Full PDB file with SEQRES, HELIX, SHEET, SSBOND, CRYST1, ORIGX, SCALE, CONECT and MASTER records, all heavy atoms in Angstrom:
SEQRES   1 A   36  PHE GLU ARG ALA MET ARG ARG MET ALA LYS LEU GLN PHE          
SEQRES   2 A   36  ALA MET ALA ILE VAL LEU THR ILE GLY VAL ALA ALA TRP          
SEQRES   3 A   36  GLN TYR PHE GLU TRP GLN LEU ALA LEU ASN                      
HELIX    1 AA1 GLU A    2  LEU A   35  1                                  34    
CRYST1    1.000    1.000    1.000  90.00  90.00  90.00 P 1           1          
ORIGX1      1.000000  0.000000  0.000000        0.00000                         
ORIGX2      0.000000  1.000000  0.000000        0.00000                         
ORIGX3      0.000000  0.000000  1.000000        0.00000                         
SCALE1      1.000000  0.000000  0.000000        0.00000                         
SCALE2      0.000000  1.000000  0.000000        0.00000                         
SCALE3      0.000000  0.000000  1.000000        0.00000                         
ATOM      1  N   PHE A   1     133.948  56.683-176.779  1.00  0.00           N  
ATOM      2  CA  PHE A   1     134.036  58.112-176.479  1.00  0.00           C  
ATOM      3  C   PHE A   1     133.697  58.972-177.695  1.00  0.00           C  
ATOM      4  O   PHE A   1     132.884  59.893-177.615  1.00  0.00           O  
ATOM      5  CB  PHE A   1     135.439  58.456-175.967  1.00  0.00           C  
ATOM      6  CG  PHE A   1     135.666  59.909-175.739  1.00  0.00           C  
ATOM      7  CD1 PHE A   1     135.210  60.512-174.586  1.00  0.00           C  
ATOM      8  CD2 PHE A   1     136.322  60.685-176.679  1.00  0.00           C  
ATOM      9  CE1 PHE A   1     135.406  61.859-174.369  1.00  0.00           C  
ATOM     10  CE2 PHE A   1     136.530  62.031-176.469  1.00  0.00           C  
ATOM     11  CZ  PHE A   1     136.076  62.616-175.310  1.00  0.00           C  
ATOM     12  N   GLU A   2     134.306  58.669-178.825  1.00  0.00           N  
ATOM     13  CA  GLU A   2     134.108  59.495-180.014  1.00  0.00           C  
ATOM     14  C   GLU A   2     132.657  59.462-180.491  1.00  0.00           C  
ATOM     15  O   GLU A   2     132.075  60.494-180.812  1.00  0.00           O  
ATOM     16  CB  GLU A   2     135.039  59.024-181.127  1.00  0.00           C  
ATOM     17  CG  GLU A   2     135.015  59.906-182.351  1.00  0.00           C  
ATOM     18  CD  GLU A   2     136.044  59.479-183.377  1.00  0.00           C  
ATOM     19  OE1 GLU A   2     137.011  58.773-183.021  1.00  0.00           O  
ATOM     20  OE2 GLU A   2     135.869  59.850-184.537  1.00  0.00           O  
ATOM     21  N   ARG A   3     132.081  58.280-180.498  1.00  0.00           N  
ATOM     22  CA  ARG A   3     130.684  58.150-180.927  1.00  0.00           C  
ATOM     23  C   ARG A   3     129.749  58.903-179.979  1.00  0.00           C  
ATOM     24  O   ARG A   3     128.815  59.592-180.411  1.00  0.00           O  
ATOM     25  CB  ARG A   3     130.302  56.682-180.992  1.00  0.00           C  
ATOM     26  CG  ARG A   3     128.928  56.445-181.560  1.00  0.00           C  
ATOM     27  CD  ARG A   3     128.657  54.981-181.682  1.00  0.00           C  
ATOM     28  NE  ARG A   3     128.898  54.338-180.385  1.00  0.00           N  
ATOM     29  CZ  ARG A   3     128.265  53.262-179.959  1.00  0.00           C  
ATOM     30  NH1 ARG A   3     127.398  52.684-180.741  1.00  0.00           N  
ATOM     31  NH2 ARG A   3     128.527  52.749-178.795  1.00  0.00           N  
ATOM     32  N   ALA A   4     130.010  58.795-178.677  1.00  0.00           N  
ATOM     33  CA  ALA A   4     129.176  59.491-177.696  1.00  0.00           C  
ATOM     34  C   ALA A   4     129.314  61.008-177.813  1.00  0.00           C  
ATOM     35  O   ALA A   4     128.322  61.738-177.696  1.00  0.00           O  
ATOM     36  CB  ALA A   4     129.550  59.044-176.288  1.00  0.00           C  
ATOM     37  N   MET A   5     130.520  61.480-178.055  1.00  0.00           N  
ATOM     38  CA  MET A   5     130.726  62.921-178.212  1.00  0.00           C  
ATOM     39  C   MET A   5     130.041  63.446-179.474  1.00  0.00           C  
ATOM     40  O   MET A   5     129.489  64.547-179.482  1.00  0.00           O  
ATOM     41  CB  MET A   5     132.217  63.245-178.251  1.00  0.00           C  
ATOM     42  CG  MET A   5     132.901  63.128-176.916  1.00  0.00           C  
ATOM     43  SD  MET A   5     132.490  64.462-175.795  1.00  0.00           S  
ATOM     44  CE  MET A   5     133.507  65.761-176.454  1.00  0.00           C  
ATOM     45  N   ARG A   6     130.081  62.666-180.543  1.00  0.00           N  
ATOM     46  CA  ARG A   6     129.392  63.091-181.767  1.00  0.00           C  
ATOM     47  C   ARG A   6     127.887  63.139-181.552  1.00  0.00           C  
ATOM     48  O   ARG A   6     127.204  64.033-182.041  1.00  0.00           O  
ATOM     49  CB  ARG A   6     129.728  62.147-182.910  1.00  0.00           C  
ATOM     50  CG  ARG A   6     131.111  62.364-183.439  1.00  0.00           C  
ATOM     51  CD  ARG A   6     131.395  61.477-184.612  1.00  0.00           C  
ATOM     52  NE  ARG A   6     132.733  61.718-185.122  1.00  0.00           N  
ATOM     53  CZ  ARG A   6     133.297  61.003-186.048  1.00  0.00           C  
ATOM     54  NH1 ARG A   6     132.653  59.987-186.583  1.00  0.00           N  
ATOM     55  NH2 ARG A   6     134.514  61.287-186.455  1.00  0.00           N  
ATOM     56  N   ARG A   7     127.368  62.167-180.820  1.00  0.00           N  
ATOM     57  CA  ARG A   7     125.937  62.163-180.513  1.00  0.00           C  
ATOM     58  C   ARG A   7     125.576  63.380-179.655  1.00  0.00           C  
ATOM     59  O   ARG A   7     124.548  64.018-179.870  1.00  0.00           O  
ATOM     60  CB  ARG A   7     125.564  60.870-179.791  1.00  0.00           C  
ATOM     61  CG  ARG A   7     124.081  60.755-179.539  1.00  0.00           C  
ATOM     62  CD  ARG A   7     123.734  59.436-178.919  1.00  0.00           C  
ATOM     63  NE  ARG A   7     124.025  58.364-179.869  1.00  0.00           N  
ATOM     64  CZ  ARG A   7     124.267  57.114-179.525  1.00  0.00           C  
ATOM     65  NH1 ARG A   7     124.264  56.777-178.255  1.00  0.00           N  
ATOM     66  NH2 ARG A   7     124.504  56.209-180.438  1.00  0.00           N  
ATOM     67  N   MET A   8     126.444  63.710-178.707  1.00  0.00           N  
ATOM     68  CA  MET A   8     126.206  64.877-177.866  1.00  0.00           C  
ATOM     69  C   MET A   8     126.234  66.157-178.703  1.00  0.00           C  
ATOM     70  O   MET A   8     125.441  67.071-178.480  1.00  0.00           O  
ATOM     71  CB  MET A   8     127.267  64.957-176.767  1.00  0.00           C  
ATOM     72  CG  MET A   8     127.043  66.073-175.789  1.00  0.00           C  
ATOM     73  SD  MET A   8     125.486  65.986-174.921  1.00  0.00           S  
ATOM     74  CE  MET A   8     125.714  64.511-173.970  1.00  0.00           C  
ATOM     75  N   ALA A   9     127.131  66.227-179.681  1.00  0.00           N  
ATOM     76  CA  ALA A   9     127.190  67.402-180.552  1.00  0.00           C  
ATOM     77  C   ALA A   9     125.900  67.539-181.363  1.00  0.00           C  
ATOM     78  O   ALA A   9     125.394  68.645-181.561  1.00  0.00           O  
ATOM     79  CB  ALA A   9     128.394  67.319-181.475  1.00  0.00           C  
ATOM     80  N   LYS A  10     125.363  66.424-181.830  1.00  0.00           N  
ATOM     81  CA  LYS A  10     124.102  66.468-182.570  1.00  0.00           C  
ATOM     82  C   LYS A  10     122.964  66.948-181.685  1.00  0.00           C  
ATOM     83  O   LYS A  10     122.127  67.748-182.110  1.00  0.00           O  
ATOM     84  CB  LYS A  10     123.769  65.089-183.143  1.00  0.00           C  
ATOM     85  CG  LYS A  10     124.657  64.681-184.288  1.00  0.00           C  
ATOM     86  CD  LYS A  10     124.329  63.276-184.753  1.00  0.00           C  
ATOM     87  CE  LYS A  10     125.307  62.808-185.815  1.00  0.00           C  
ATOM     88  NZ  LYS A  10     125.054  61.421-186.219  1.00  0.00           N  
ATOM     89  N   LEU A  11     122.933  66.474-180.441  1.00  0.00           N  
ATOM     90  CA  LEU A  11     121.901  66.927-179.505  1.00  0.00           C  
ATOM     91  C   LEU A  11     122.037  68.419-179.208  1.00  0.00           C  
ATOM     92  O   LEU A  11     121.044  69.144-179.117  1.00  0.00           O  
ATOM     93  CB  LEU A  11     121.980  66.132-178.208  1.00  0.00           C  
ATOM     94  CG  LEU A  11     121.493  64.698-178.267  1.00  0.00           C  
ATOM     95  CD1 LEU A  11     121.823  63.974-176.967  1.00  0.00           C  
ATOM     96  CD2 LEU A  11     119.997  64.670-178.501  1.00  0.00           C  
ATOM     97  N   GLN A  12     123.262  68.888-179.054  1.00  0.00           N  
ATOM     98  CA  GLN A  12     123.478  70.308-178.790  1.00  0.00           C  
ATOM     99  C   GLN A  12     123.065  71.160-179.989  1.00  0.00           C  
ATOM    100  O   GLN A  12     122.487  72.237-179.818  1.00  0.00           O  
ATOM    101  CB  GLN A  12     124.940  70.564-178.436  1.00  0.00           C  
ATOM    102  CG  GLN A  12     125.313  70.036-177.072  1.00  0.00           C  
ATOM    103  CD  GLN A  12     126.804  70.088-176.815  1.00  0.00           C  
ATOM    104  OE1 GLN A  12     127.607  70.219-177.728  1.00  0.00           O  
ATOM    105  NE2 GLN A  12     127.177  69.985-175.551  1.00  0.00           N  
ATOM    106  N   PHE A  13     123.356  70.691-181.176  1.00  0.00           N  
ATOM    107  CA  PHE A  13     122.944  71.433-182.367  1.00  0.00           C  
ATOM    108  C   PHE A  13     121.422  71.451-182.495  1.00  0.00           C  
ATOM    109  O   PHE A  13     120.831  72.480-182.853  1.00  0.00           O  
ATOM    110  CB  PHE A  13     123.587  70.838-183.617  1.00  0.00           C  
ATOM    111  CG  PHE A  13     123.365  71.664-184.837  1.00  0.00           C  
ATOM    112  CD1 PHE A  13     123.981  72.889-184.983  1.00  0.00           C  
ATOM    113  CD2 PHE A  13     122.525  71.223-185.839  1.00  0.00           C  
ATOM    114  CE1 PHE A  13     123.760  73.671-186.114  1.00  0.00           C  
ATOM    115  CE2 PHE A  13     122.305  71.977-186.967  1.00  0.00           C  
ATOM    116  CZ  PHE A  13     122.921  73.210-187.105  1.00  0.00           C  
ATOM    117  N   ALA A  14     120.778  70.330-182.193  1.00  0.00           N  
ATOM    118  CA  ALA A  14     119.314  70.285-182.223  1.00  0.00           C  
ATOM    119  C   ALA A  14     118.723  71.250-181.190  1.00  0.00           C  
ATOM    120  O   ALA A  14     117.739  71.949-181.477  1.00  0.00           O  
ATOM    121  CB  ALA A  14     118.821  68.865-181.974  1.00  0.00           C  
ATOM    122  N   MET A  15     119.328  71.309-180.024  1.00  0.00           N  
ATOM    123  CA  MET A  15     118.860  72.253-179.008  1.00  0.00           C  
ATOM    124  C   MET A  15     119.087  73.692-179.451  1.00  0.00           C  
ATOM    125  O   MET A  15     118.286  74.581-179.127  1.00  0.00           O  
ATOM    126  CB  MET A  15     119.555  71.998-177.668  1.00  0.00           C  
ATOM    127  CG  MET A  15     119.001  70.816-176.923  1.00  0.00           C  
ATOM    128  SD  MET A  15     117.220  70.927-176.628  1.00  0.00           S  
ATOM    129  CE  MET A  15     117.108  72.366-175.609  1.00  0.00           C  
ATOM    130  N   ALA A  16     120.157  73.940-180.188  1.00  0.00           N  
ATOM    131  CA  ALA A  16     120.396  75.284-180.723  1.00  0.00           C  
ATOM    132  C   ALA A  16     119.262  75.687-181.653  1.00  0.00           C  
ATOM    133  O   ALA A  16     118.773  76.822-181.602  1.00  0.00           O  
ATOM    134  CB  ALA A  16     121.738  75.333-181.450  1.00  0.00           C  
ATOM    135  N   ILE A  17     118.830  74.748-182.485  1.00  0.00           N  
ATOM    136  CA  ILE A  17     117.730  75.045-183.410  1.00  0.00           C  
ATOM    137  C   ILE A  17     116.425  75.279-182.643  1.00  0.00           C  
ATOM    138  O   ILE A  17     115.694  76.239-182.909  1.00  0.00           O  
ATOM    139  CB  ILE A  17     117.580  73.911-184.440  1.00  0.00           C  
ATOM    140  CG1 ILE A  17     118.805  73.888-185.358  1.00  0.00           C  
ATOM    141  CG2 ILE A  17     116.297  74.067-185.251  1.00  0.00           C  
ATOM    142  CD1 ILE A  17     118.871  72.687-186.268  1.00  0.00           C  
ATOM    143  N   VAL A  18     116.143  74.416-181.677  1.00  0.00           N  
ATOM    144  CA  VAL A  18     114.908  74.550-180.895  1.00  0.00           C  
ATOM    145  C   VAL A  18     114.894  75.865-180.123  1.00  0.00           C  
ATOM    146  O   VAL A  18     113.884  76.589-180.118  1.00  0.00           O  
ATOM    147  CB  VAL A  18     114.748  73.339-179.941  1.00  0.00           C  
ATOM    148  CG1 VAL A  18     113.657  73.580-178.924  1.00  0.00           C  
ATOM    149  CG2 VAL A  18     114.470  72.081-180.743  1.00  0.00           C  
ATOM    150  N   LEU A  19     115.987  76.193-179.471  1.00  0.00           N  
ATOM    151  CA  LEU A  19     116.042  77.441-178.711  1.00  0.00           C  
ATOM    152  C   LEU A  19     115.970  78.658-179.620  1.00  0.00           C  
ATOM    153  O   LEU A  19     115.360  79.668-179.258  1.00  0.00           O  
ATOM    154  CB  LEU A  19     117.308  77.483-177.861  1.00  0.00           C  
ATOM    155  CG  LEU A  19     117.322  76.536-176.671  1.00  0.00           C  
ATOM    156  CD1 LEU A  19     118.677  76.541-175.996  1.00  0.00           C  
ATOM    157  CD2 LEU A  19     116.242  76.915-175.677  1.00  0.00           C  
ATOM    158  N   THR A  20     116.560  78.577-180.788  1.00  0.00           N  
ATOM    159  CA  THR A  20     116.476  79.689-181.730  1.00  0.00           C  
ATOM    160  C   THR A  20     115.046  79.902-182.200  1.00  0.00           C  
ATOM    161  O   THR A  20     114.576  81.043-182.272  1.00  0.00           O  
ATOM    162  CB  THR A  20     117.389  79.432-182.938  1.00  0.00           C  
ATOM    163  OG1 THR A  20     118.727  79.278-182.466  1.00  0.00           O  
ATOM    164  CG2 THR A  20     117.321  80.563-183.930  1.00  0.00           C  
ATOM    165  N   ILE A  21     114.349  78.820-182.484  1.00  0.00           N  
ATOM    166  CA  ILE A  21     112.939  78.938-182.881  1.00  0.00           C  
ATOM    167  C   ILE A  21     112.129  79.520-181.721  1.00  0.00           C  
ATOM    168  O   ILE A  21     111.266  80.380-181.931  1.00  0.00           O  
ATOM    169  CB  ILE A  21     112.390  77.570-183.330  1.00  0.00           C  
ATOM    170  CG1 ILE A  21     113.030  77.167-184.654  1.00  0.00           C  
ATOM    171  CG2 ILE A  21     110.871  77.596-183.451  1.00  0.00           C  
ATOM    172  CD1 ILE A  21     112.744  75.745-185.077  1.00  0.00           C  
ATOM    173  N   GLY A  22     112.415  79.081-180.509  1.00  0.00           N  
ATOM    174  CA  GLY A  22     111.715  79.614-179.342  1.00  0.00           C  
ATOM    175  C   GLY A  22     111.962  81.094-179.132  1.00  0.00           C  
ATOM    176  O   GLY A  22     111.035  81.861-178.870  1.00  0.00           O  
ATOM    177  N   VAL A  23     113.209  81.506-179.254  1.00  0.00           N  
ATOM    178  CA  VAL A  23     113.541  82.927-179.091  1.00  0.00           C  
ATOM    179  C   VAL A  23     112.905  83.753-180.200  1.00  0.00           C  
ATOM    180  O   VAL A  23     112.362  84.832-179.949  1.00  0.00           O  
ATOM    181  CB  VAL A  23     115.075  83.128-179.043  1.00  0.00           C  
ATOM    182  CG1 VAL A  23     115.444  84.593-179.174  1.00  0.00           C  
ATOM    183  CG2 VAL A  23     115.637  82.555-177.768  1.00  0.00           C  
ATOM    184  N   ALA A  24     112.953  83.260-181.426  1.00  0.00           N  
ATOM    185  CA  ALA A  24     112.343  83.987-182.543  1.00  0.00           C  
ATOM    186  C   ALA A  24     110.830  84.112-182.364  1.00  0.00           C  
ATOM    187  O   ALA A  24     110.247  85.178-182.615  1.00  0.00           O  
ATOM    188  CB  ALA A  24     112.669  83.291-183.858  1.00  0.00           C  
ATOM    189  N   ALA A  25     110.192  83.037-181.921  1.00  0.00           N  
ATOM    190  CA  ALA A  25     108.743  83.083-181.688  1.00  0.00           C  
ATOM    191  C   ALA A  25     108.403  84.044-180.562  1.00  0.00           C  
ATOM    192  O   ALA A  25     107.445  84.814-180.653  1.00  0.00           O  
ATOM    193  CB  ALA A  25     108.218  81.679-181.371  1.00  0.00           C  
ATOM    194  N   TRP A  26     109.185  84.009-179.508  1.00  0.00           N  
ATOM    195  CA  TRP A  26     108.952  84.909-178.379  1.00  0.00           C  
ATOM    196  C   TRP A  26     109.078  86.359-178.829  1.00  0.00           C  
ATOM    197  O   TRP A  26     108.254  87.207-178.482  1.00  0.00           O  
ATOM    198  CB  TRP A  26     109.929  84.577-177.260  1.00  0.00           C  
ATOM    199  CG  TRP A  26     109.806  85.455-176.058  1.00  0.00           C  
ATOM    200  CD1 TRP A  26     108.665  85.910-175.476  1.00  0.00           C  
ATOM    201  CD2 TRP A  26     110.870  85.978-175.282  1.00  0.00           C  
ATOM    202  NE1 TRP A  26     108.953  86.673-174.394  1.00  0.00           N  
ATOM    203  CE2 TRP A  26     110.311  86.728-174.249  1.00  0.00           C  
ATOM    204  CE3 TRP A  26     112.255  85.870-175.361  1.00  0.00           C  
ATOM    205  CZ2 TRP A  26     111.082  87.385-173.301  1.00  0.00           C  
ATOM    206  CZ3 TRP A  26     113.018  86.512-174.400  1.00  0.00           C  
ATOM    207  CH2 TRP A  26     112.432  87.254-173.397  1.00  0.00           C  
ATOM    208  N   GLN A  27     110.115  86.659-179.603  1.00  0.00           N  
ATOM    209  CA  GLN A  27     110.290  88.028-180.097  1.00  0.00           C  
ATOM    210  C   GLN A  27     109.164  88.428-181.036  1.00  0.00           C  
ATOM    211  O   GLN A  27     108.700  89.567-180.999  1.00  0.00           O  
ATOM    212  CB  GLN A  27     111.624  88.160-180.813  1.00  0.00           C  
ATOM    213  CG  GLN A  27     112.787  88.137-179.869  1.00  0.00           C  
ATOM    214  CD  GLN A  27     114.091  88.269-180.617  1.00  0.00           C  
ATOM    215  OE1 GLN A  27     114.184  87.861-181.772  1.00  0.00           O  
ATOM    216  NE2 GLN A  27     115.077  88.830-179.972  1.00  0.00           N  
ATOM    217  N   TYR A  28     108.724  87.510-181.857  1.00  0.00           N  
ATOM    218  CA  TYR A  28     107.631  87.821-182.783  1.00  0.00           C  
ATOM    219  C   TYR A  28     106.352  88.144-182.028  1.00  0.00           C  
ATOM    220  O   TYR A  28     105.685  89.140-182.305  1.00  0.00           O  
ATOM    221  CB  TYR A  28     107.401  86.651-183.743  1.00  0.00           C  
ATOM    222  CG  TYR A  28     106.215  86.852-184.650  1.00  0.00           C  
ATOM    223  CD1 TYR A  28     106.304  87.710-185.745  1.00  0.00           C  
ATOM    224  CD2 TYR A  28     105.015  86.198-184.410  1.00  0.00           C  
ATOM    225  CE1 TYR A  28     105.221  87.909-186.568  1.00  0.00           C  
ATOM    226  CE2 TYR A  28     103.925  86.390-185.228  1.00  0.00           C  
ATOM    227  CZ  TYR A  28     104.027  87.243-186.308  1.00  0.00           C  
ATOM    228  OH  TYR A  28     102.948  87.442-187.118  1.00  0.00           O  
ATOM    229  N   PHE A  29     106.008  87.313-181.053  1.00  0.00           N  
ATOM    230  CA  PHE A  29     104.780  87.558-180.303  1.00  0.00           C  
ATOM    231  C   PHE A  29     104.901  88.787-179.411  1.00  0.00           C  
ATOM    232  O   PHE A  29     103.928  89.502-179.203  1.00  0.00           O  
ATOM    233  CB  PHE A  29     104.387  86.324-179.500  1.00  0.00           C  
ATOM    234  CG  PHE A  29     103.909  85.200-180.363  1.00  0.00           C  
ATOM    235  CD1 PHE A  29     104.537  83.975-180.334  1.00  0.00           C  
ATOM    236  CD2 PHE A  29     102.846  85.368-181.234  1.00  0.00           C  
ATOM    237  CE1 PHE A  29     104.118  82.937-181.142  1.00  0.00           C  
ATOM    238  CE2 PHE A  29     102.410  84.339-182.048  1.00  0.00           C  
ATOM    239  CZ  PHE A  29     103.048  83.121-182.006  1.00  0.00           C  
ATOM    240  N   GLU A  30     106.082  89.050-178.921  1.00  0.00           N  
ATOM    241  CA  GLU A  30     106.294  90.265-178.142  1.00  0.00           C  
ATOM    242  C   GLU A  30     106.116  91.493-179.040  1.00  0.00           C  
ATOM    243  O   GLU A  30     105.544  92.504-178.629  1.00  0.00           O  
ATOM    244  CB  GLU A  30     107.697  90.242-177.540  1.00  0.00           C  
ATOM    245  CG  GLU A  30     107.967  91.339-176.557  1.00  0.00           C  
ATOM    246  CD  GLU A  30     109.359  91.189-175.952  1.00  0.00           C  
ATOM    247  OE1 GLU A  30     110.336  91.228-176.719  1.00  0.00           O  
ATOM    248  OE2 GLU A  30     109.450  91.037-174.737  1.00  0.00           O  
ATOM    249  N   TRP A  31     106.592  91.393-180.268  1.00  0.00           N  
ATOM    250  CA  TRP A  31     106.445  92.480-181.229  1.00  0.00           C  
ATOM    251  C   TRP A  31     104.972  92.680-181.591  1.00  0.00           C  
ATOM    252  O   TRP A  31     104.495  93.815-181.715  1.00  0.00           O  
ATOM    253  CB  TRP A  31     107.280  92.149-182.461  1.00  0.00           C  
ATOM    254  CG  TRP A  31     107.192  93.167-183.554  1.00  0.00           C  
ATOM    255  CD1 TRP A  31     107.698  94.433-183.535  1.00  0.00           C  
ATOM    256  CD2 TRP A  31     106.546  93.002-184.808  1.00  0.00           C  
ATOM    257  NE1 TRP A  31     107.420  95.057-184.726  1.00  0.00           N  
ATOM    258  CE2 TRP A  31     106.705  94.210-185.521  1.00  0.00           C  
ATOM    259  CE3 TRP A  31     105.842  91.964-185.402  1.00  0.00           C  
ATOM    260  CZ2 TRP A  31     106.193  94.384-186.793  1.00  0.00           C  
ATOM    261  CZ3 TRP A  31     105.349  92.148-186.679  1.00  0.00           C  
ATOM    262  CH2 TRP A  31     105.516  93.347-187.348  1.00  0.00           C  
ATOM    263  N   GLN A  32     104.241  91.568-181.747  1.00  0.00           N  
ATOM    264  CA  GLN A  32     102.818  91.661-182.066  1.00  0.00           C  
ATOM    265  C   GLN A  32     102.038  92.304-180.914  1.00  0.00           C  
ATOM    266  O   GLN A  32     101.121  93.088-181.156  1.00  0.00           O  
ATOM    267  CB  GLN A  32     102.242  90.270-182.358  1.00  0.00           C  
ATOM    268  CG  GLN A  32     102.693  89.680-183.675  1.00  0.00           C  
ATOM    269  CD  GLN A  32     102.162  90.447-184.859  1.00  0.00           C  
ATOM    270  OE1 GLN A  32     101.064  90.982-184.830  1.00  0.00           O  
ATOM    271  NE2 GLN A  32     102.943  90.537-185.916  1.00  0.00           N  
ATOM    272  N   LEU A  33     102.408  91.990-179.695  1.00  0.00           N  
ATOM    273  CA  LEU A  33     101.731  92.602-178.546  1.00  0.00           C  
ATOM    274  C   LEU A  33     102.046  94.085-178.442  1.00  0.00           C  
ATOM    275  O   LEU A  33     101.221  94.876-177.997  1.00  0.00           O  
ATOM    276  CB  LEU A  33     102.138  91.897-177.260  1.00  0.00           C  
ATOM    277  CG  LEU A  33     101.564  90.487-177.055  1.00  0.00           C  
ATOM    278  CD1 LEU A  33     102.162  89.852-175.817  1.00  0.00           C  
ATOM    279  CD2 LEU A  33     100.053  90.555-176.953  1.00  0.00           C  
ATOM    280  N   ALA A  34     103.239  94.480-178.844  1.00  0.00           N  
ATOM    281  CA  ALA A  34     103.609  95.892-178.790  1.00  0.00           C  
ATOM    282  C   ALA A  34     102.825  96.706-179.804  1.00  0.00           C  
ATOM    283  O   ALA A  34     102.581  97.895-179.602  1.00  0.00           O  
ATOM    284  CB  ALA A  34     105.102  96.044-179.038  1.00  0.00           C  
ATOM    285  N   LEU A  35     102.420  96.073-180.904  1.00  0.00           N  
ATOM    286  CA  LEU A  35     101.643  96.801-181.916  1.00  0.00           C  
ATOM    287  C   LEU A  35     100.213  97.042-181.464  1.00  0.00           C  
ATOM    288  O   LEU A  35      99.572  98.000-181.905  1.00  0.00           O  
ATOM    289  CB  LEU A  35     101.637  96.021-183.231  1.00  0.00           C  
ATOM    290  CG  LEU A  35     102.967  95.959-183.992  1.00  0.00           C  
ATOM    291  CD1 LEU A  35     102.806  95.118-185.240  1.00  0.00           C  
ATOM    292  CD2 LEU A  35     103.434  97.361-184.360  1.00  0.00           C  
ATOM    293  N   ASN A  36      99.690  96.203-180.614  1.00  0.00           N  
ATOM    294  CA  ASN A  36      98.286  96.339-180.164  1.00  0.00           C  
ATOM    295  C   ASN A  36      98.156  97.283-179.029  1.00  0.00           C  
ATOM    296  O   ASN A  36      98.769  97.727-178.303  1.00  0.00           O  
ATOM    297  CB  ASN A  36      97.720  94.978-179.777  1.00  0.00           C  
ATOM    298  CG  ASN A  36      97.564  94.100-181.000  1.00  0.00           C  
ATOM    299  OD1 ASN A  36      97.425  94.606-182.096  1.00  0.00           O  
ATOM    300  ND2 ASN A  36      97.610  92.815-180.803  1.00  0.00           N  
TER     301      ASN A  36                                                      
MASTER        0    0    0    1    0    0    0    6  300    1    0    3          
END                                                                             
């Protein structure tokens, strides 16, 4: 149980990073489109 929960926490943290990069990229490109 403990090992599986730690692995799940690592996956959730990795998804946090991926989603943050996605949101930041989306906002950046949305900002670039607003300038044009």
